Amino acid sequence: ENTGDADDRLVAVRSEAAVRVELHTHIDQGGGVM
């Protein structure tokens, strides 16, 4: 949540829990496959 009066952007994420940590989304490829 952004309670400020200007947009912001989540640009990266880091964690020691994994070798790589990224921001991801899902794209519908049709036929029930994401």
PDB file of all heavy atoms in Angstrom:
ATOM      1  N   GLU A   1       0.840  -1.197   0.000  1.00  0.00           N
ATOM      2  CA  GLU A   1       0.000   0.000   0.000  1.00  0.00           C
ATOM      3  C   GLU A   1       0.875   1.247   0.000  1.00  0.00           C
ATOM      4  O   GLU A   1       1.882   1.315   0.700  1.00  0.00           O
ATOM      5  CB  GLU A   1      -0.900   0.002   1.227  1.00  0.00           C
ATOM      6  CG  GLU A   1      -1.873   1.150   1.254  1.00  0.00           C
ATOM      7  CD  GLU A   1      -2.864   1.051   2.398  1.00  0.00           C
ATOM      8  OE1 GLU A   1      -2.736   0.152   3.251  1.00  0.00           O
ATOM      9  OE2 GLU A   1      -3.771   1.902   2.442  1.00  0.00           O
ATOM     10  N   ASN A   2       0.461   2.224  -0.789  1.00  0.00           N
ATOM     11  CA  ASN A   2       1.158   3.502  -0.881  1.00  0.00           C
ATOM     12  C   ASN A   2       0.203   4.582  -0.372  1.00  0.00           C
ATOM     13  O   ASN A   2      -0.729   4.967  -1.063  1.00  0.00           O
ATOM     14  CB  ASN A   2       1.556   3.772  -2.334  1.00  0.00           C
ATOM     15  CG  ASN A   2       2.262   5.093  -2.529  1.00  0.00           C
ATOM     16  OD1 ASN A   2       2.358   5.907  -1.617  1.00  0.00           O
ATOM     17  ND2 ASN A   2       2.742   5.317  -3.733  1.00  0.00           N
ATOM     18  N   THR A   3       0.434   5.062   0.846  1.00  0.00           N
ATOM     19  CA  THR A   3      -0.438   6.087   1.422  1.00  0.00           C
ATOM     20  C   THR A   3       0.050   7.494   1.093  1.00  0.00           C
ATOM     21  O   THR A   3      -0.549   8.465   1.540  1.00  0.00           O
ATOM     22  CB  THR A   3      -0.545   5.923   2.953  1.00  0.00           C
ATOM     23  OG1 THR A   3       0.765   6.016   3.517  1.00  0.00           O
ATOM     24  CG2 THR A   3      -1.170   4.588   3.312  1.00  0.00           C
ATOM     25  N   GLY A   4       1.113   7.591   0.309  1.00  0.00           N
ATOM     26  CA  GLY A   4       1.645   8.888  -0.089  1.00  0.00           C
ATOM     27  C   GLY A   4       0.859   9.485  -1.244  1.00  0.00           C
ATOM     28  O   GLY A   4      -0.109   8.900  -1.738  1.00  0.00           O
ATOM     29  N   ASP A   5       1.318  10.648  -1.699  1.00  0.00           N
ATOM     30  CA  ASP A   5       0.614  11.338  -2.777  1.00  0.00           C
ATOM     31  C   ASP A   5       1.363  11.276  -4.109  1.00  0.00           C
ATOM     32  O   ASP A   5       1.096  12.055  -5.022  1.00  0.00           O
ATOM     33  CB  ASP A   5       0.296  12.778  -2.380  1.00  0.00           C
ATOM     34  CG  ASP A   5       1.531  13.571  -1.968  1.00  0.00           C
ATOM     35  OD1 ASP A   5       2.646  13.016  -2.031  1.00  0.00           O
ATOM     36  OD2 ASP A   5       1.386  14.736  -1.584  1.00  0.00           O
ATOM     37  N   ALA A   6       2.297  10.334  -4.224  1.00  0.00           N
ATOM     38  CA  ALA A   6       3.020  10.120  -5.478  1.00  0.00           C
ATOM     39  C   ALA A   6       3.170   8.621  -5.715  1.00  0.00           C
ATOM     40  O   ALA A   6       3.379   7.855  -4.778  1.00  0.00           O
ATOM     41  CB  ALA A   6       4.401  10.766  -5.419  1.00  0.00           C
ATOM     42  N   ASP A   7       3.068   8.221  -6.977  1.00  0.00           N
ATOM     43  CA  ASP A   7       3.290   6.821  -7.321  1.00  0.00           C
ATOM     44  C   ASP A   7       4.708   6.425  -6.943  1.00  0.00           C
ATOM     45  O   ASP A   7       5.622   7.259  -6.924  1.00  0.00           O
ATOM     46  CB  ASP A   7       3.124   6.600  -8.828  1.00  0.00           C
ATOM     47  CG  ASP A   7       1.696   6.729  -9.314  1.00  0.00           C
ATOM     48  OD1 ASP A   7       0.780   6.881  -8.484  1.00  0.00           O
ATOM     49  OD2 ASP A   7       1.506   6.667 -10.546  1.00  0.00           O
ATOM     50  N   ASP A   8       4.891   5.154  -6.664  1.00  0.00           N
ATOM     51  CA  ASP A   8       6.222   4.590  -6.457  1.00  0.00           C
ATOM     52  C   ASP A   8       6.260   3.303  -7.265  1.00  0.00           C
ATOM     53  O   ASP A   8       5.261   2.900  -7.860  1.00  0.00           O
ATOM     54  CB  ASP A   8       6.498   4.342  -4.968  1.00  0.00           C
ATOM     55  CG  ASP A   8       7.992   4.289  -4.641  1.00  0.00           C
ATOM     56  OD1 ASP A   8       8.814   4.164  -5.575  1.00  0.00           O
ATOM     57  OD2 ASP A   8       8.336   4.363  -3.458  1.00  0.00           O
ATOM     58  N   ARG A   9       7.400   2.672  -7.294  1.00  0.00           N
ATOM     59  CA  ARG A   9       7.549   1.423  -8.055  1.00  0.00           C
ATOM     60  C   ARG A   9       8.432   0.465  -7.270  1.00  0.00           C
ATOM     61  O   ARG A   9       9.524   0.840  -6.836  1.00  0.00           O
ATOM     62  CB  ARG A   9       8.176   1.727  -9.419  1.00  0.00           C
ATOM     63  CG  ARG A   9       8.342   0.520 -10.312  1.00  0.00           C
ATOM     64  CD  ARG A   9       8.973   0.894 -11.642  1.00  0.00           C
ATOM     65  NE  ARG A   9       8.110   1.750 -12.430  1.00  0.00           N
ATOM     66  CZ  ARG A   9       7.185   1.312 -13.284  1.00  0.00           C
ATOM     67  NH1 ARG A   9       7.013   0.021 -13.468  1.00  0.00           N
ATOM     68  NH2 ARG A   9       6.446   2.164 -13.968  1.00  0.00           N
ATOM     69  N   LEU A  10       7.951  -0.768  -7.100  1.00  0.00           N
ATOM     70  CA  LEU A  10       8.776  -1.837  -6.548  1.00  0.00           C
ATOM     71  C   LEU A  10       9.662  -2.302  -7.691  1.00  0.00           C
ATOM     72  O   LEU A  10       9.169  -2.835  -8.692  1.00  0.00           O
ATOM     73  CB  LEU A  10       7.903  -2.980  -6.028  1.00  0.00           C
ATOM     74  CG  LEU A  10       8.631  -4.218  -5.500  1.00  0.00           C
ATOM     75  CD1 LEU A  10       9.512  -3.875  -4.302  1.00  0.00           C
ATOM     76  CD2 LEU A  10       7.632  -5.303  -5.135  1.00  0.00           C
ATOM     77  N   VAL A  11      10.982  -2.050  -7.590  1.00  0.00           N
ATOM     78  CA  VAL A  11      11.876  -2.302  -8.717  1.00  0.00           C
ATOM     79  C   VAL A  11      12.750  -3.535  -8.543  1.00  0.00           C
ATOM     80  O   VAL A  11      13.304  -4.041  -9.515  1.00  0.00           O
ATOM     81  CB  VAL A  11      12.779  -1.075  -9.013  1.00  0.00           C
ATOM     82  CG1 VAL A  11      11.934   0.083  -9.513  1.00  0.00           C
ATOM     83  CG2 VAL A  11      13.595  -0.676  -7.805  1.00  0.00           C
ATOM     84  N   ALA A  12      12.890  -4.022  -7.307  1.00  0.00           N
ATOM     85  CA  ALA A  12      13.728  -5.198  -7.079  1.00  0.00           C
ATOM     86  C   ALA A  12      13.384  -5.811  -5.740  1.00  0.00           C
ATOM     87  O   ALA A  12      12.724  -5.196  -4.896  1.00  0.00           O
ATOM     88  CB  ALA A  12      15.213  -4.811  -7.109  1.00  0.00           C
ATOM     89  N   VAL A  13      13.863  -7.014  -5.561  1.00  0.00           N
ATOM     90  CA  VAL A  13      13.680  -7.731  -4.292  1.00  0.00           C
ATOM     91  C   VAL A  13      14.915  -8.592  -4.074  1.00  0.00           C
ATOM     92  O   VAL A  13      15.508  -9.109  -5.029  1.00  0.00           O
ATOM     93  CB  VAL A  13      12.377  -8.570  -4.332  1.00  0.00           C
ATOM     94  CG1 VAL A  13      12.415  -9.628  -5.400  1.00  0.00           C
ATOM     95  CG2 VAL A  13      12.060  -9.157  -2.993  1.00  0.00           C
ATOM     96  N   ARG A  14      15.331  -8.690  -2.820  1.00  0.00           N
ATOM     97  CA  ARG A  14      16.515  -9.493  -2.483  1.00  0.00           C
ATOM     98  C   ARG A  14      16.216 -10.353  -1.257  1.00  0.00           C
ATOM     99  O   ARG A  14      15.437  -9.963  -0.390  1.00  0.00           O
ATOM    100  CB  ARG A  14      17.705  -8.591  -2.170  1.00  0.00           C
ATOM    101  CG  ARG A  14      18.194  -7.764  -3.328  1.00  0.00           C
ATOM    102  CD  ARG A  14      19.522  -7.075  -3.020  1.00  0.00           C
ATOM    103  NE  ARG A  14      19.478  -6.235  -1.842  1.00  0.00           N
ATOM    104  CZ  ARG A  14      19.223  -4.933  -1.840  1.00  0.00           C
ATOM    105  NH1 ARG A  14      18.948  -4.320  -2.969  1.00  0.00           N
ATOM    106  NH2 ARG A  14      19.235  -4.245  -0.718  1.00  0.00           N
ATOM    107  N   SER A  15      16.874 -11.502  -1.204  1.00  0.00           N
ATOM    108  CA  SER A  15      16.771 -12.370  -0.037  1.00  0.00           C
ATOM    109  C   SER A  15      17.913 -13.368  -0.067  1.00  0.00           C
ATOM    110  O   SER A  15      18.305 -13.841  -1.141  1.00  0.00           O
ATOM    111  CB  SER A  15      15.436 -13.121  -0.031  1.00  0.00           C
ATOM    112  OG  SER A  15      15.368 -14.011   1.058  1.00  0.00           O
ATOM    113  N   GLU A  16      18.414 -13.693   1.114  1.00  0.00           N
ATOM    114  CA  GLU A  16      19.455 -14.722   1.235  1.00  0.00           C
ATOM    115  C   GLU A  16      18.857 -16.124   1.186  1.00  0.00           C
ATOM    116  O   GLU A  16      19.584 -17.108   1.206  1.00  0.00           O
ATOM    117  CB  GLU A  16      20.225 -14.525   2.548  1.00  0.00           C
ATOM    118  CG  GLU A  16      21.049 -13.247   2.588  1.00  0.00           C
ATOM    119  CD  GLU A  16      22.153 -13.246   1.553  1.00  0.00           C
ATOM    120  OE1 GLU A  16      22.813 -14.293   1.369  1.00  0.00           O
ATOM    121  OE2 GLU A  16      22.357 -12.189   0.920  1.00  0.00           O
ATOM    122  N   ALA A  17      17.526 -16.228   1.108  1.00  0.00           N
ATOM    123  CA  ALA A  17      16.849 -17.528   1.145  1.00  0.00           C
ATOM    124  C   ALA A  17      17.017 -18.328  -0.144  1.00  0.00           C
ATOM    125  O   ALA A  17      16.794 -19.537  -0.148  1.00  0.00           O
ATOM    126  CB  ALA A  17      15.361 -17.343   1.439  1.00  0.00           C
ATOM    127  N   ALA A  18      17.411 -17.648  -1.244  1.00  0.00           N
ATOM    128  CA  ALA A  18      17.505 -18.332  -2.531  1.00  0.00           C
ATOM    129  C   ALA A  18      18.663 -17.780  -3.346  1.00  0.00           C
ATOM    130  O   ALA A  18      19.138 -16.673  -3.113  1.00  0.00           O
ATOM    131  CB  ALA A  18      16.200 -18.158  -3.306  1.00  0.00           C
ATOM    132  N   VAL A  19      19.070 -18.564  -4.327  1.00  0.00           N
ATOM    133  CA  VAL A  19      20.140 -18.152  -5.226  1.00  0.00           C
ATOM    134  C   VAL A  19      19.701 -16.938  -6.043  1.00  0.00           C
ATOM    135  O   VAL A  19      20.458 -15.992  -6.219  1.00  0.00           O
ATOM    136  CB  VAL A  19      20.540 -19.324  -6.161  1.00  0.00           C
ATOM    137  CG1 VAL A  19      21.566 -18.874  -7.196  1.00  0.00           C
ATOM    138  CG2 VAL A  19      21.077 -20.494  -5.344  1.00  0.00           C
ATOM    139  N   ARG A  20      18.451 -16.956  -6.541  1.00  0.00           N
ATOM    140  CA  ARG A  20      17.888 -15.825  -7.298  1.00  0.00           C
ATOM    141  C   ARG A  20      16.517 -15.489  -6.744  1.00  0.00           C
ATOM    142  O   ARG A  20      15.733 -16.376  -6.426  1.00  0.00           O
ATOM    143  CB  ARG A  20      17.734 -16.183  -8.781  1.00  0.00           C
ATOM    144  CG  ARG A  20      19.037 -16.131  -9.522  1.00  0.00           C
ATOM    145  CD  ARG A  20      18.942 -16.437 -10.995  1.00  0.00           C
ATOM    146  NE  ARG A  20      17.751 -15.970 -11.676  1.00  0.00           N
ATOM    147  CZ  ARG A  20      17.311 -16.495 -12.810  1.00  0.00           C
ATOM    148  NH1 ARG A  20      17.966 -17.484 -13.381  1.00  0.00           N
ATOM    149  NH2 ARG A  20      16.228 -16.025 -13.391  1.00  0.00           N
ATOM    150  N   VAL A  21      16.240 -14.194  -6.669  1.00  0.00           N
ATOM    151  CA  VAL A  21      14.928 -13.715  -6.234  1.00  0.00           C
ATOM    152  C   VAL A  21      14.508 -12.635  -7.223  1.00  0.00           C
ATOM    153  O   VAL A  21      15.255 -11.699  -7.476  1.00  0.00           O
ATOM    154  CB  VAL A  21      14.974 -13.149  -4.792  1.00  0.00           C
ATOM    155  CG1 VAL A  21      13.581 -12.784  -4.322  1.00  0.00           C
ATOM    156  CG2 VAL A  21      15.627 -14.139  -3.838  1.00  0.00           C
ATOM    157  N   GLU A  22      13.316 -12.802  -7.798  1.00  0.00           N
ATOM    158  CA  GLU A  22      12.859 -11.897  -8.846  1.00  0.00           C
ATOM    159  C   GLU A  22      11.396 -11.523  -8.640  1.00  0.00           C
ATOM    160  O   GLU A  22      10.649 -12.232  -7.967  1.00  0.00           O
ATOM    161  CB  GLU A  22      12.984 -12.566 -10.228  1.00  0.00           C
ATOM    162  CG  GLU A  22      14.401 -12.929 -10.605  1.00  0.00           C
ATOM    163  CD  GLU A  22      14.495 -13.696 -11.915  1.00  0.00           C
ATOM    164  OE1 GLU A  22      13.468 -14.177 -12.439  1.00  0.00           O
ATOM    165  OE2 GLU A  22      15.622 -13.817 -12.422  1.00  0.00           O
ATOM    166  N   LEU A  23      11.006 -10.431  -9.287  1.00  0.00           N
ATOM    167  CA  LEU A  23       9.602 -10.053  -9.369  1.00  0.00           C
ATOM    168  C   LEU A  23       9.028 -10.756 -10.592  1.00  0.00           C
ATOM    169  O   LEU A  23       9.594 -10.664 -11.690  1.00  0.00           O
ATOM    170  CB  LEU A  23       9.470  -8.534  -9.510  1.00  0.00           C
ATOM    171  CG  LEU A  23      10.014  -7.736  -8.331  1.00  0.00           C
ATOM    172  CD1 LEU A  23      10.046  -6.247  -8.658  1.00  0.00           C
ATOM    173  CD2 LEU A  23       9.191  -8.003  -7.089  1.00  0.00           C
ATOM    174  N   HIS A  24       7.920 -11.478 -10.398  1.00  0.00           N
ATOM    175  CA  HIS A  24       7.336 -12.284 -11.470  1.00  0.00           C
ATOM    176  C   HIS A  24       5.853 -11.983 -11.648  1.00  0.00           C
ATOM    177  O   HIS A  24       5.203 -11.467 -10.741  1.00  0.00           O
ATOM    178  CB  HIS A  24       7.462 -13.781 -11.143  1.00  0.00           C
ATOM    179  CG  HIS A  24       8.738 -14.394 -11.578  1.00  0.00           C
ATOM    180  ND1 HIS A  24       8.837 -15.707 -11.961  1.00  0.00           N
ATOM    181  CD2 HIS A  24       9.979 -13.888 -11.692  1.00  0.00           C
ATOM    182  CE1 HIS A  24      10.092 -15.983 -12.294  1.00  0.00           C
ATOM    183  NE2 HIS A  24      10.800 -14.888 -12.131  1.00  0.00           N
ATOM    184  N   THR A  25       5.350 -12.375 -12.804  1.00  0.00           N
ATOM    185  CA  THR A  25       3.918 -12.360 -13.066  1.00  0.00           C
ATOM    186  C   THR A  25       3.574 -13.587 -13.894  1.00  0.00           C
ATOM    187  O   THR A  25       4.461 -14.340 -14.316  1.00  0.00           O
ATOM    188  CB  THR A  25       3.478 -11.067 -13.786  1.00  0.00           C
ATOM    189  OG1 THR A  25       2.058 -10.946 -13.675  1.00  0.00           O
ATOM    190  CG2 THR A  25       3.901 -11.042 -15.248  1.00  0.00           C
ATOM    191  N   HIS A  26       2.294 -13.789 -14.128  1.00  0.00           N
ATOM    192  CA  HIS A  26       1.804 -14.886 -14.962  1.00  0.00           C
ATOM    193  C   HIS A  26       1.200 -14.308 -16.232  1.00  0.00           C
ATOM    194  O   HIS A  26       0.520 -13.284 -16.193  1.00  0.00           O
ATOM    195  CB  HIS A  26       0.713 -15.686 -14.230  1.00  0.00           C
ATOM    196  CG  HIS A  26       1.227 -16.412 -13.043  1.00  0.00           C
ATOM    197  ND1 HIS A  26       1.145 -15.913 -11.771  1.00  0.00           N
ATOM    198  CD2 HIS A  26       1.839 -17.615 -12.927  1.00  0.00           C
ATOM    199  CE1 HIS A  26       1.676 -16.777 -10.920  1.00  0.00           C
ATOM    200  NE2 HIS A  26       2.096 -17.806 -11.592  1.00  0.00           N
ATOM    201  N   ILE A  27       1.439 -14.987 -17.341  1.00  0.00           N
ATOM    202  CA  ILE A  27       0.865 -14.592 -18.623  1.00  0.00           C
ATOM    203  C   ILE A  27       0.046 -15.766 -19.138  1.00  0.00           C
ATOM    204  O   ILE A  27       0.550 -16.894 -19.218  1.00  0.00           O
ATOM    205  CB  ILE A  27       1.973 -14.217 -19.637  1.00  0.00           C
ATOM    206  CG1 ILE A  27       2.764 -13.017 -19.119  1.00  0.00           C
ATOM    207  CG2 ILE A  27       1.375 -13.943 -21.008  1.00  0.00           C
ATOM    208  CD1 ILE A  27       3.984 -12.678 -19.945  1.00  0.00           C
ATOM    209  N   ASP A  28      -1.197 -15.508 -19.485  1.00  0.00           N
ATOM    210  CA  ASP A  28      -2.100 -16.536 -20.002  1.00  0.00           C
ATOM    211  C   ASP A  28      -1.689 -16.888 -21.421  1.00  0.00           C
ATOM    212  O   ASP A  28      -1.712 -16.032 -22.308  1.00  0.00           O
ATOM    213  CB  ASP A  28      -3.542 -16.025 -19.962  1.00  0.00           C
ATOM    214  CG  ASP A  28      -4.559 -17.095 -20.321  1.00  0.00           C
ATOM    215  OD1 ASP A  28      -4.165 -18.189 -20.797  1.00  0.00           O
ATOM    216  OD2 ASP A  28      -5.755 -16.830 -20.112  1.00  0.00           O
ATOM    217  N   GLN A  29      -1.300 -18.137 -21.634  1.00  0.00           N
ATOM    218  CA  GLN A  29      -0.900 -18.587 -22.969  1.00  0.00           C
ATOM    219  C   GLN A  29      -2.046 -19.271 -23.702  1.00  0.00           C
ATOM    220  O   GLN A  29      -1.848 -19.798 -24.790  1.00  0.00           O
ATOM    221  CB  GLN A  29       0.297 -19.532 -22.864  1.00  0.00           C
ATOM    222  CG  GLN A  29       1.543 -18.839 -22.360  1.00  0.00           C
ATOM    223  CD  GLN A  29       2.763 -19.710 -22.499  1.00  0.00           C
ATOM    224  OE1 GLN A  29       2.822 -20.796 -21.929  1.00  0.00           O
ATOM    225  NE2 GLN A  29       3.735 -19.229 -23.259  1.00  0.00           N
ATOM    226  N   GLY A  30      -3.206 -19.282 -23.099  1.00  0.00           N
ATOM    227  CA  GLY A  30      -4.359 -19.930 -23.705  1.00  0.00           C
ATOM    228  C   GLY A  30      -4.384 -21.413 -23.382  1.00  0.00           C
ATOM    229  O   GLY A  30      -3.383 -21.995 -22.957  1.00  0.00           O
ATOM    230  N   GLY A  31      -5.523 -22.003 -23.551  1.00  0.00           N
ATOM    231  CA  GLY A  31      -5.651 -23.443 -23.299  1.00  0.00           C
ATOM    232  C   GLY A  31      -5.452 -23.805 -21.839  1.00  0.00           C
ATOM    233  O   GLY A  31      -5.084 -24.937 -21.531  1.00  0.00           O
ATOM    234  N   GLY A  32      -5.652 -22.863 -20.947  1.00  0.00           N
ATOM    235  CA  GLY A  32      -5.504 -23.155 -19.521  1.00  0.00           C
ATOM    236  C   GLY A  32      -4.063 -23.192 -19.037  1.00  0.00           C
ATOM    237  O   GLY A  32      -3.786 -23.622 -17.931  1.00  0.00           O
ATOM    238  N   VAL A  33      -3.121 -22.752 -19.882  1.00  0.00           N
ATOM    239  CA  VAL A  33      -1.707 -22.762 -19.506  1.00  0.00           C
ATOM    240  C   VAL A  33      -1.246 -21.332 -19.206  1.00  0.00           C
ATOM    241  O   VAL A  33      -1.479 -20.418 -19.982  1.00  0.00           O
ATOM    242  CB  VAL A  33      -0.827 -23.362 -20.627  1.00  0.00           C
ATOM    243  CG1 VAL A  33       0.645 -23.265 -20.280  1.00  0.00           C
ATOM    244  CG2 VAL A  33      -1.223 -24.805 -20.891  1.00  0.00           C
ATOM    245  N   MET A  34      -0.607 -21.182 -18.048  1.00  0.00           N
ATOM    246  CA  MET A  34      -0.057 -19.891 -17.652  1.00  0.00           C
ATOM    247  C   MET A  34       1.471 -19.996 -17.677  1.00  0.00           C
ATOM    248  O   MET A  34       2.029 -21.010 -17.277  1.00  0.00           O
ATOM    249  CB  MET A  34      -0.507 -19.529 -16.236  1.00  0.00           C
ATOM    250  CG  MET A  34      -2.014 -19.420 -16.066  1.00  0.00           C
ATOM    251  SD  MET A  34      -2.722 -18.017 -16.908  1.00  0.00           S
ATOM    252  CE  MET A  34      -2.270 -16.713 -15.797  1.00  0.00           C
TER     253      MET A  34
END
